[in-house]
């Protein structure tokens, strides 16, 4: 399912300036935001297309349902192995593939390399960083979103049913059946709109920094 795919965006370097402007600089200028909107997962794959660990990561591990949902807490970034060697944040670790978990202030929270990159260990690192940065519970959000995905499967069945009914009525004027089809379409749209609103609520992430102070 597309909603479970991790959307990696490619960057040549990591850092406050690079992440926002794409410019190469060793030190951000005064006034440049030192915090990203979300914590980050930086994925550095092997440049070798035959690397078995990288292939397993992308074809098996990254398809894990809980991992795919959990990635929605993060800005997910892919950096080539060559570029990572030149990056001031990423160059301290050189084994590939690897994943670097960064806090919103660009400090390293955890690093997993090669055989450490199992779904279980990646999820554990995700949870740890989410606890450090968010008010939201990792487990509660993931559970709620997976429930939403199950509801979406049911809605897709309704969508197919509406499409099939529309196809059967094409070119066959029938006021009664046309009225029934219109009702089916309206009910499907209402349920789909309600699902979208539920998704927005589940993905309403709040960092600890944004939490209103208690007085």
Protein backbone atom coordinates (compact mmCIF):
# COMPACT_ATOMS: atom_id res chain seq x y z
CA UNK A 1 0.00 0.00 0.00
CA UNK A 2 1.35 3.40 -1.03
CA UNK A 3 0.55 4.95 2.37
CA UNK A 4 3.08 2.58 3.95
CA UNK A 5 5.92 3.44 1.59
CA UNK A 6 8.72 5.48 3.14
CA UNK A 7 9.17 8.68 1.13
CA UNK A 8 12.92 9.18 1.09
CA UNK A 9 14.02 12.58 -0.19
CA UNK A 10 17.53 12.77 -1.57
CA UNK A 11 20.02 15.29 -0.20
CA UNK A 12 23.75 15.74 -0.73
CA UNK A 13 24.38 16.93 2.82
CA UNK A 14 22.73 17.28 6.21
CA UNK A 15 22.53 20.37 8.40
CA UNK A 16 20.39 23.42 9.15
CA UNK A 17 21.62 25.36 6.13
CA UNK A 18 21.77 22.42 3.72
CA UNK A 19 18.38 21.09 4.72
CA UNK A 20 16.64 24.39 4.04
CA UNK A 21 18.59 25.99 1.18
CA UNK A 22 20.73 23.27 -0.36
CA UNK A 23 23.84 25.40 0.17
CA UNK A 24 27.15 23.96 1.29
CA UNK A 25 28.42 25.66 4.41
CA UNK A 26 30.45 24.57 7.41
CA UNK A 27 28.60 26.80 9.83
CA UNK A 28 25.11 28.20 9.49
CA UNK A 29 24.83 31.98 9.44
CA UNK A 30 23.46 33.78 12.47
CA UNK A 31 19.68 33.59 12.42
CA UNK A 32 19.45 30.30 10.54
CA UNK A 33 17.06 27.94 12.30
CA UNK A 34 18.99 25.34 14.24
CA UNK A 35 16.02 23.00 14.54
CA UNK A 36 14.28 21.04 11.83
CA UNK A 37 10.51 20.67 11.81
CA UNK A 38 10.84 16.96 12.56
CA UNK A 39 13.55 14.60 13.80
CA UNK A 40 15.32 12.85 10.96
CA UNK A 41 16.21 9.39 9.75
CA UNK A 42 19.12 9.53 7.33
CA UNK A 43 19.55 6.42 5.21
CA UNK A 44 22.96 5.82 3.60
CA UNK A 45 22.73 2.84 1.22
CA UNK A 46 25.60 1.03 -0.38
CA UNK A 47 26.60 2.32 -3.82
CA UNK A 48 27.08 -1.32 -4.86
CA UNK A 49 23.87 -2.44 -6.63
CA UNK A 50 24.64 -6.06 -5.70
CA UNK A 51 24.92 -5.38 -1.95
CA UNK A 52 22.65 -7.96 -0.30
CA UNK A 53 22.08 -6.02 2.93
CA UNK A 54 20.91 -2.91 1.08
CA UNK A 55 18.66 -5.00 -1.15
CA UNK A 56 17.12 -6.76 1.86
CA UNK A 57 16.56 -3.42 3.60
CA UNK A 58 14.71 -1.92 0.66
CA UNK A 59 12.79 -5.00 -0.45
CA UNK A 60 11.93 -6.54 2.93
CA UNK A 61 12.72 -4.49 6.04
CA UNK A 62 11.32 -1.16 4.79
CA UNK A 63 8.07 -2.96 3.87
CA UNK A 64 7.36 -3.71 7.54
CA UNK A 65 3.94 -2.22 8.35
CA UNK A 66 4.84 -0.81 11.77
CA UNK A 67 8.10 0.61 10.46
CA UNK A 68 6.36 2.24 7.49
CA UNK A 69 3.81 3.94 9.72
CA UNK A 70 6.40 4.93 12.32
CA UNK A 71 8.42 6.72 9.64
CA UNK A 72 5.64 9.34 9.50
CA UNK A 73 7.12 10.86 12.68
CA UNK A 74 10.30 11.72 10.79
CA UNK A 75 11.84 13.59 7.91
CA UNK A 76 13.24 10.63 5.97
CA UNK A 77 16.36 11.46 3.98
CA UNK A 78 18.60 9.44 1.69
CA UNK A 79 22.25 10.42 1.23
CA UNK A 80 24.67 8.57 -1.05
CA UNK A 81 27.67 6.86 0.53
CA UNK A 82 30.03 9.23 -1.28
CA UNK A 83 28.20 12.35 -0.12
CA UNK A 84 27.97 11.00 3.44
CA UNK A 85 31.77 10.78 3.60
CA UNK A 86 31.96 14.52 2.96
CA UNK A 87 29.20 15.49 5.40
CA UNK A 88 30.26 16.93 8.77
CA UNK A 89 27.46 15.11 10.61
CA UNK A 90 27.47 11.77 8.80
CA UNK A 91 31.17 11.17 8.11
CA UNK A 92 31.97 9.85 11.60
CA UNK A 93 30.48 6.49 10.62
CA UNK A 94 31.59 4.89 7.35
CA UNK A 95 29.96 1.46 7.10
CA UNK A 96 27.11 1.01 4.65
CA UNK A 97 24.26 0.61 4.62
CA UNK A 98 23.55 2.61 7.76
CA UNK A 99 20.78 4.70 9.28
CA UNK A 100 21.47 7.77 11.40
CA UNK A 101 18.71 9.00 13.70
CA UNK A 102 19.01 12.75 14.26
CA UNK A 103 17.25 14.96 16.78
CA UNK A 104 15.63 18.16 15.58
CA UNK A 105 18.78 20.06 16.60
CA UNK A 106 20.82 17.83 14.22
CA UNK A 107 22.60 15.95 17.00
CA UNK A 108 22.99 12.21 16.55
CA UNK A 109 20.58 10.15 18.64
CA UNK A 110 21.46 6.66 17.34
CA UNK A 111 23.25 4.90 14.50
CA UNK A 112 22.50 1.45 13.08
CA UNK A 113 24.82 -0.21 10.58
CA UNK A 114 24.80 -3.26 8.36
CA UNK A 115 23.48 -6.32 10.24
CA UNK A 116 22.03 -4.10 12.98
CA UNK A 117 19.46 -2.94 10.46
CA UNK A 118 16.60 -5.27 11.34
CA UNK A 119 13.00 -4.07 11.48
CA UNK A 120 12.94 -4.60 15.24
CA UNK A 121 16.06 -2.55 15.94
CA UNK A 122 15.01 0.25 13.58
CA UNK A 123 11.61 0.46 15.29
CA UNK A 124 13.31 0.49 18.71
CA UNK A 125 15.48 3.43 17.61
CA UNK A 126 12.40 5.19 16.21
CA UNK A 127 10.55 4.79 19.51
CA UNK A 128 13.48 6.13 21.49
CA UNK A 129 13.78 9.25 19.34
CA UNK A 130 10.01 9.82 19.33
CA UNK A 131 10.00 9.70 23.15
CA UNK A 132 12.77 12.31 23.17
CA UNK A 133 11.07 14.68 20.76
CA UNK A 134 7.29 14.21 20.78
CA UNK A 135 4.33 14.42 23.11
CA UNK A 136 2.64 11.75 20.96
CA UNK A 137 3.00 8.06 21.78
CA UNK A 138 4.69 6.05 19.03
CA UNK A 139 2.73 2.88 19.77
CA UNK A 140 -0.64 4.63 20.03
CA UNK A 141 -0.17 6.52 16.76
CA UNK A 142 0.99 3.43 14.88
CA UNK A 143 -1.90 1.35 16.23
CA UNK A 144 -4.44 4.05 15.33
CA UNK A 145 -3.03 4.48 11.83
CA UNK A 146 -3.01 0.75 11.10
CA UNK A 147 -6.67 0.70 12.17
CA UNK A 148 -7.29 3.52 9.69
CA UNK A 149 -5.61 1.49 6.95
CA UNK A 150 -7.98 -1.38 7.66
CA UNK A 151 -10.90 1.04 7.34
CA UNK A 152 -9.44 2.27 4.06
CA UNK A 153 -9.40 -1.29 2.70
CA UNK A 154 -13.12 -1.47 3.39
CA UNK A 155 -13.67 1.90 1.70
CA UNK A 156 -11.76 0.73 -1.36
CA UNK A 157 -14.25 -2.14 -1.57
CA UNK A 158 -17.09 0.38 -1.47
CA UNK A 159 -15.39 2.43 -4.18
CA UNK A 160 -15.16 -0.63 -6.43
CA UNK A 161 -18.81 -1.41 -5.79
CA UNK A 162 -19.83 2.11 -6.82
CA UNK A 163 -17.68 1.95 -9.94
CA UNK A 164 -19.16 -1.41 -10.94
CA UNK A 165 -22.71 -0.11 -10.45
CA UNK A 166 -21.92 2.99 -12.51
CA UNK A 167 -20.53 0.82 -15.31
CA UNK A 168 -23.62 -1.41 -15.37
CA UNK A 169 -25.92 1.61 -15.64
CA UNK A 170 -23.94 3.31 -18.39
CA UNK A 171 -26.21 3.86 -21.39
CA UNK A 172 -29.16 2.33 -19.58
CA UNK A 173 -31.45 5.13 -18.32
CA UNK A 174 -33.28 4.03 -15.19
CA UNK A 175 -34.43 6.70 -12.76
CA UNK A 176 -34.72 4.35 -9.79
CA UNK A 177 -31.28 2.80 -10.25
CA UNK A 178 -29.72 6.19 -11.00
CA UNK A 179 -31.08 7.48 -7.70
CA UNK A 180 -29.64 4.45 -5.91
CA UNK A 181 -26.26 5.07 -7.55
CA UNK A 182 -26.30 8.72 -6.50
CA UNK A 183 -27.00 7.66 -2.92
CA UNK A 184 -24.14 5.14 -3.02
CA UNK A 185 -21.76 7.79 -4.36
CA UNK A 186 -22.80 10.32 -1.72
CA UNK A 187 -22.37 7.77 1.10
CA UNK A 188 -18.95 6.74 -0.20
CA UNK A 189 -17.79 10.39 -0.46
CA UNK A 190 -19.01 11.15 3.07
CA UNK A 191 -17.17 8.12 4.48
CA UNK A 192 -14.00 8.96 2.51
CA UNK A 193 -14.08 12.59 3.73
CA UNK A 194 -14.54 11.34 7.30
CA UNK A 195 -11.56 9.02 6.85
CA UNK A 196 -9.37 11.91 5.66
CA UNK A 197 -10.31 13.92 8.75
CA UNK A 198 -9.48 10.95 11.01
CA UNK A 199 -6.10 10.62 9.30
CA UNK A 200 -5.36 14.30 9.93
CA UNK A 201 -6.15 13.83 13.62
CA UNK A 202 -3.98 10.72 13.96
CA UNK A 203 -1.07 12.47 12.22
CA UNK A 204 -1.40 15.67 14.26
CA UNK A 205 2.10 15.37 15.73
CA UNK A 206 3.19 17.65 18.56
CA UNK A 207 6.80 18.13 19.56
CA UNK A 208 7.63 18.68 23.21
CA UNK A 209 8.89 22.12 22.26
CA UNK A 210 5.44 23.04 20.93
CA UNK A 211 3.56 21.75 23.95
CA UNK A 212 1.86 24.61 25.80
CA UNK A 213 3.50 25.29 29.15
CA UNK A 214 1.46 24.49 32.23
CA UNK A 215 0.81 27.37 34.59
